[in-house]
Amino acid sequence: MVNVDKFAERLNIIMNYYELSAALFAEKIDVQRSSISHVLSGRNKPSLEFVLKILKEFPEVELYWLLNGTGSFPKKTETKTNPTPPLNLFSEGNEQTKPSEHLKEQLTSTSLQSEEIDRIVIFFKNGTFKNYKQL
């Protein structure tokens, strides 16, 4: 169950963060000004539609933070790091047929130096695959 008073506090935090008055906030999420006023005063509970409009307009707002205070605001974005650069498997202009000779060079310069490649299988989104076996 959503605590209406705490929800109103978090709504105020959002409006302060974006430096919006209640009227401008209402305009941004496309609701009547009275809806904001009623939720802020605790008179009305926020509807699902009201909450979804906030999340749509302000992607930095986490759902669980807005509803019950768990999580963070603004939303922390995860940065995924790729420790090794992606391998360029194909030579230019020959994307459909064979892996390029450059592939061998790339693989031997990585941590796979002591490993020998037997084959490379590429899976496509349509469910098909291509199998390249070393000769």
C-alpha atoms as a PDB file:
ATOM      1  CA  MET A   1       0.000   0.000   0.000  1.00  0.00           C
ATOM      2  CA  VAL A   2       1.299   3.420  -0.914  1.00  0.00           C
ATOM      3  CA  ASN A   3       1.752   5.881   1.925  1.00  0.00           C
ATOM      4  CA  VAL A   4       0.102   8.986   0.450  1.00  0.00           C
ATOM      5  CA  ASP A   5       2.056  11.435   2.619  1.00  0.00           C
ATOM      6  CA  LYS A   6       5.405   9.895   1.697  1.00  0.00           C
ATOM      7  CA  PHE A   7       4.349   9.753  -1.965  1.00  0.00           C
ATOM      8  CA  ALA A   8       3.585  13.485  -1.807  1.00  0.00           C
ATOM      9  CA  GLU A   9       7.052  14.111  -0.331  1.00  0.00           C
ATOM     10  CA  ARG A  10       8.678  12.204  -3.184  1.00  0.00           C
ATOM     11  CA  LEU A  11       6.526  14.101  -5.683  1.00  0.00           C
ATOM     12  CA  ASN A  12       7.824  17.350  -4.170  1.00  0.00           C
ATOM     13  CA  ILE A  13      11.382  16.043  -4.507  1.00  0.00           C
ATOM     14  CA  ILE A  14      10.800  15.417  -8.218  1.00  0.00           C
ATOM     15  CA  MET A  15       9.274  18.865  -8.764  1.00  0.00           C
ATOM     16  CA  ASN A  16      12.158  20.529  -6.903  1.00  0.00           C
ATOM     17  CA  TYR A  17      14.732  18.502  -8.826  1.00  0.00           C
ATOM     18  CA  TYR A  18      13.296  19.686 -12.158  1.00  0.00           C
ATOM     19  CA  GLU A  19      12.483  23.137 -10.761  1.00  0.00           C
ATOM     20  CA  LEU A  20       8.809  22.818 -11.692  1.00  0.00           C
ATOM     21  CA  SER A  21       5.789  24.332 -10.013  1.00  0.00           C
ATOM     22  CA  ALA A  22       2.764  22.114  -9.434  1.00  0.00           C
ATOM     23  CA  ALA A  23       1.071  23.742 -12.443  1.00  0.00           C
ATOM     24  CA  LEU A  24       4.036  23.119 -14.759  1.00  0.00           C
ATOM     25  CA  PHE A  25       4.420  19.575 -13.440  1.00  0.00           C
ATOM     26  CA  ALA A  26       0.737  18.907 -14.153  1.00  0.00           C
ATOM     27  CA  GLU A  27       1.179  20.262 -17.665  1.00  0.00           C
ATOM     28  CA  LYS A  28       4.270  18.090 -18.243  1.00  0.00           C
ATOM     29  CA  ILE A  29       2.517  14.862 -17.274  1.00  0.00           C
ATOM     30  CA  ASP A  30      -0.761  15.928 -18.885  1.00  0.00           C
ATOM     31  CA  VAL A  31      -3.056  15.958 -15.841  1.00  0.00           C
ATOM     32  CA  GLN A  32      -5.218  18.657 -14.322  1.00  0.00           C
ATOM     33  CA  ARG A  33      -3.589  20.979 -11.802  1.00  0.00           C
ATOM     34  CA  SER A  34      -6.159  19.926  -9.241  1.00  0.00           C
ATOM     35  CA  SER A  35      -4.922  16.320  -9.509  1.00  0.00           C
ATOM     36  CA  ILE A  36      -1.453  17.397  -8.395  1.00  0.00           C
ATOM     37  CA  SER A  37      -2.902  19.544  -5.636  1.00  0.00           C
ATOM     38  CA  HIS A  38      -5.085  16.715  -4.333  1.00  0.00           C
ATOM     39  CA  VAL A  39      -2.226  14.215  -4.292  1.00  0.00           C
ATOM     40  CA  LEU A  40       0.149  16.710  -2.636  1.00  0.00           C
ATOM     41  CA  SER A  41      -2.406  17.517   0.056  1.00  0.00           C
ATOM     42  CA  GLY A  42      -3.099  13.834   0.725  1.00  0.00           C
ATOM     43  CA  ARG A  43      -6.746  14.168  -0.269  1.00  0.00           C
ATOM     44  CA  ASN A  44      -6.413  11.644  -3.128  1.00  0.00           C
ATOM     45  CA  LYS A  45      -4.234   8.640  -3.697  1.00  0.00           C
ATOM     46  CA  PRO A  46      -2.296   8.608  -6.961  1.00  0.00           C
ATOM     47  CA  SER A  47      -3.887   6.475  -9.661  1.00  0.00           C
ATOM     48  CA  LEU A  48      -1.927   3.995 -11.746  1.00  0.00           C
ATOM     49  CA  GLU A  49      -2.388   6.277 -14.740  1.00  0.00           C
ATOM     50  CA  PHE A  50      -0.964   9.192 -12.736  1.00  0.00           C
ATOM     51  CA  VAL A  51       2.116   7.168 -11.738  1.00  0.00           C
ATOM     52  CA  LEU A  52       2.665   5.885 -15.281  1.00  0.00           C
ATOM     53  CA  LYS A  53       2.513   9.412 -16.678  1.00  0.00           C
ATOM     54  CA  ILE A  54       5.241  10.480 -14.256  1.00  0.00           C
ATOM     55  CA  LEU A  55       7.441   7.532 -15.229  1.00  0.00           C
ATOM     56  CA  LYS A  56       6.899   8.197 -18.928  1.00  0.00           C
ATOM     57  CA  GLU A  57       7.752  11.896 -18.730  1.00  0.00           C
ATOM     58  CA  PHE A  58      10.615  11.535 -16.250  1.00  0.00           C
ATOM     59  CA  PRO A  59      12.653   8.392 -17.022  1.00  0.00           C
ATOM     60  CA  GLU A  60      15.055   9.194 -14.166  1.00  0.00           C
ATOM     61  CA  VAL A  61      12.283   8.299 -11.683  1.00  0.00           C
ATOM     62  CA  GLU A  62      12.339   4.704 -10.455  1.00  0.00           C
ATOM     63  CA  LEU A  63       8.945   3.091  -9.942  1.00  0.00           C
ATOM     64  CA  TYR A  64       9.745   1.555  -6.546  1.00  0.00           C
ATOM     65  CA  TRP A  65      11.302   4.758  -5.290  1.00  0.00           C
ATOM     66  CA  LEU A  66       8.218   6.717  -6.317  1.00  0.00           C
ATOM     67  CA  LEU A  67       5.776   4.244  -4.754  1.00  0.00           C
ATOM     68  CA  ASN A  68       7.535   3.211  -1.568  1.00  0.00           C
ATOM     69  CA  GLY A  69      10.859   5.016  -1.286  1.00  0.00           C
ATOM     70  CA  THR A  70      13.126   2.075  -2.103  1.00  0.00           C
ATOM     71  CA  GLY A  71      15.777   2.626  -4.715  1.00  0.00           C
ATOM     72  CA  SER A  72      17.144   6.000  -5.677  1.00  0.00           C
ATOM     73  CA  PHE A  73      16.289   9.219  -7.401  1.00  0.00           C
ATOM     74  CA  PRO A  74      17.509  10.157  -9.902  1.00  0.00           C
ATOM     75  CA  LYS A  75      17.824   6.642 -11.269  1.00  0.00           C
ATOM     76  CA  LYS A  76      21.387   5.416 -11.292  1.00  0.00           C
ATOM     77  CA  THR A  77      22.381   4.220 -14.719  1.00  0.00           C
ATOM     78  CA  GLU A  78      24.521   1.138 -15.002  1.00  0.00           C
ATOM     79  CA  THR A  79      27.563   1.477 -17.142  1.00  0.00           C
ATOM     80  CA  LYS A  80      28.559  -1.786 -18.691  1.00  0.00           C
ATOM     81  CA  THR A  81      32.171  -2.117 -19.605  1.00  0.00           C
ATOM     82  CA  ASN A  82      33.402  -4.393 -22.303  1.00  0.00           C
ATOM     83  CA  PRO A  83      36.872  -5.542 -21.253  1.00  0.00           C
ATOM     84  CA  THR A  84      37.811  -6.757 -24.739  1.00  0.00           C
ATOM     85  CA  PRO A  85      36.818  -5.009 -27.947  1.00  0.00           C
ATOM     86  CA  PRO A  86      34.476  -6.922 -30.249  1.00  0.00           C
ATOM     87  CA  LEU A  87      36.182  -8.948 -32.920  1.00  0.00           C
ATOM     88  CA  ASN A  88      35.738  -7.963 -36.535  1.00  0.00           C
ATOM     89  CA  LEU A  89      34.838 -11.376 -37.962  1.00  0.00           C
ATOM     90  CA  PHE A  90      34.448 -10.455 -41.604  1.00  0.00           C
ATOM     91  CA  SER A  91      36.459  -8.611 -44.179  1.00  0.00           C
ATOM     92  CA  GLU A  92      34.748  -5.706 -45.877  1.00  0.00           C
ATOM     93  CA  GLY A  93      32.436  -6.578 -48.746  1.00  0.00           C
ATOM     94  CA  ASN A  94      32.547 -10.277 -47.919  1.00  0.00           C
ATOM     95  CA  GLU A  95      30.175 -10.319 -44.951  1.00  0.00           C
ATOM     96  CA  GLN A  96      28.072 -13.260 -46.121  1.00  0.00           C
ATOM     97  CA  THR A  97      30.786 -15.750 -47.017  1.00  0.00           C
ATOM     98  CA  LYS A  98      34.060 -16.159 -45.063  1.00  0.00           C
ATOM     99  CA  PRO A  99      35.727 -14.864 -41.941  1.00  0.00           C
ATOM    100  CA  SER A 100      38.587 -12.543 -42.814  1.00  0.00           C
ATOM    101  CA  GLU A 101      42.254 -13.340 -42.368  1.00  0.00           C
ATOM    102  CA  HIS A 102      42.252 -10.409 -39.965  1.00  0.00           C
ATOM    103  CA  LEU A 103      40.238 -12.599 -37.578  1.00  0.00           C
ATOM    104  CA  LYS A 104      43.213 -14.866 -36.992  1.00  0.00           C
ATOM    105  CA  GLU A 105      45.400 -11.860 -36.237  1.00  0.00           C
ATOM    106  CA  GLN A 106      42.836 -10.470 -33.787  1.00  0.00           C
ATOM    107  CA  LEU A 107      42.439 -13.790 -32.015  1.00  0.00           C
ATOM    108  CA  THR A 108      46.162 -14.397 -31.699  1.00  0.00           C
ATOM    109  CA  SER A 109      46.612 -10.951 -30.156  1.00  0.00           C
ATOM    110  CA  THR A 110      44.067 -11.721 -27.413  1.00  0.00           C
ATOM    111  CA  SER A 111      44.147 -14.099 -24.468  1.00  0.00           C
ATOM    112  CA  LEU A 112      43.327 -16.985 -26.814  1.00  0.00           C
ATOM    113  CA  GLN A 113      46.960 -17.279 -27.950  1.00  0.00           C
ATOM    114  CA  SER A 114      47.424 -20.736 -26.460  1.00  0.00           C
ATOM    115  CA  GLU A 115      44.063 -21.977 -27.777  1.00  0.00           C
ATOM    116  CA  GLU A 116      43.530 -23.271 -31.297  1.00  0.00           C
ATOM    117  CA  ILE A 117      40.272 -22.467 -33.035  1.00  0.00           C
ATOM    118  CA  ASP A 118      38.406 -25.456 -34.449  1.00  0.00           C
ATOM    119  CA  ARG A 119      35.363 -23.647 -35.816  1.00  0.00           C
ATOM    120  CA  ILE A 120      33.279 -20.479 -35.580  1.00  0.00           C
ATOM    121  CA  VAL A 121      29.482 -20.613 -35.474  1.00  0.00           C
ATOM    122  CA  ILE A 122      27.409 -17.477 -36.088  1.00  0.00           C
ATOM    123  CA  PHE A 123      23.761 -17.493 -35.021  1.00  0.00           C
ATOM    124  CA  PHE A 124      21.306 -15.168 -36.734  1.00  0.00           C
ATOM    125  CA  LYS A 125      18.149 -13.722 -35.188  1.00  0.00           C
ATOM    126  CA  ASN A 126      15.967 -15.616 -37.658  1.00  0.00           C
ATOM    127  CA  GLY A 127      17.099 -18.940 -36.146  1.00  0.00           C
ATOM    128  CA  THR A 128      19.602 -19.883 -38.843  1.00  0.00           C
ATOM    129  CA  PHE A 129      23.340 -20.200 -38.401  1.00  0.00           C
ATOM    130  CA  LYS A 130      26.569 -20.431 -40.382  1.00  0.00           C
ATOM    131  CA  ASN A 131      29.319 -22.802 -39.411  1.00  0.00           C
ATOM    132  CA  TYR A 132      32.910 -21.968 -40.396  1.00  0.00           C
ATOM    133  CA  LYS A 133      35.365 -24.830 -39.848  1.00  0.00           C
ATOM    134  CA  GLN A 134      39.082 -24.316 -40.062  1.00  0.00           C
ATOM    135  CA  LEU A 135      40.658 -26.253 -42.949  1.00  0.00           C
END
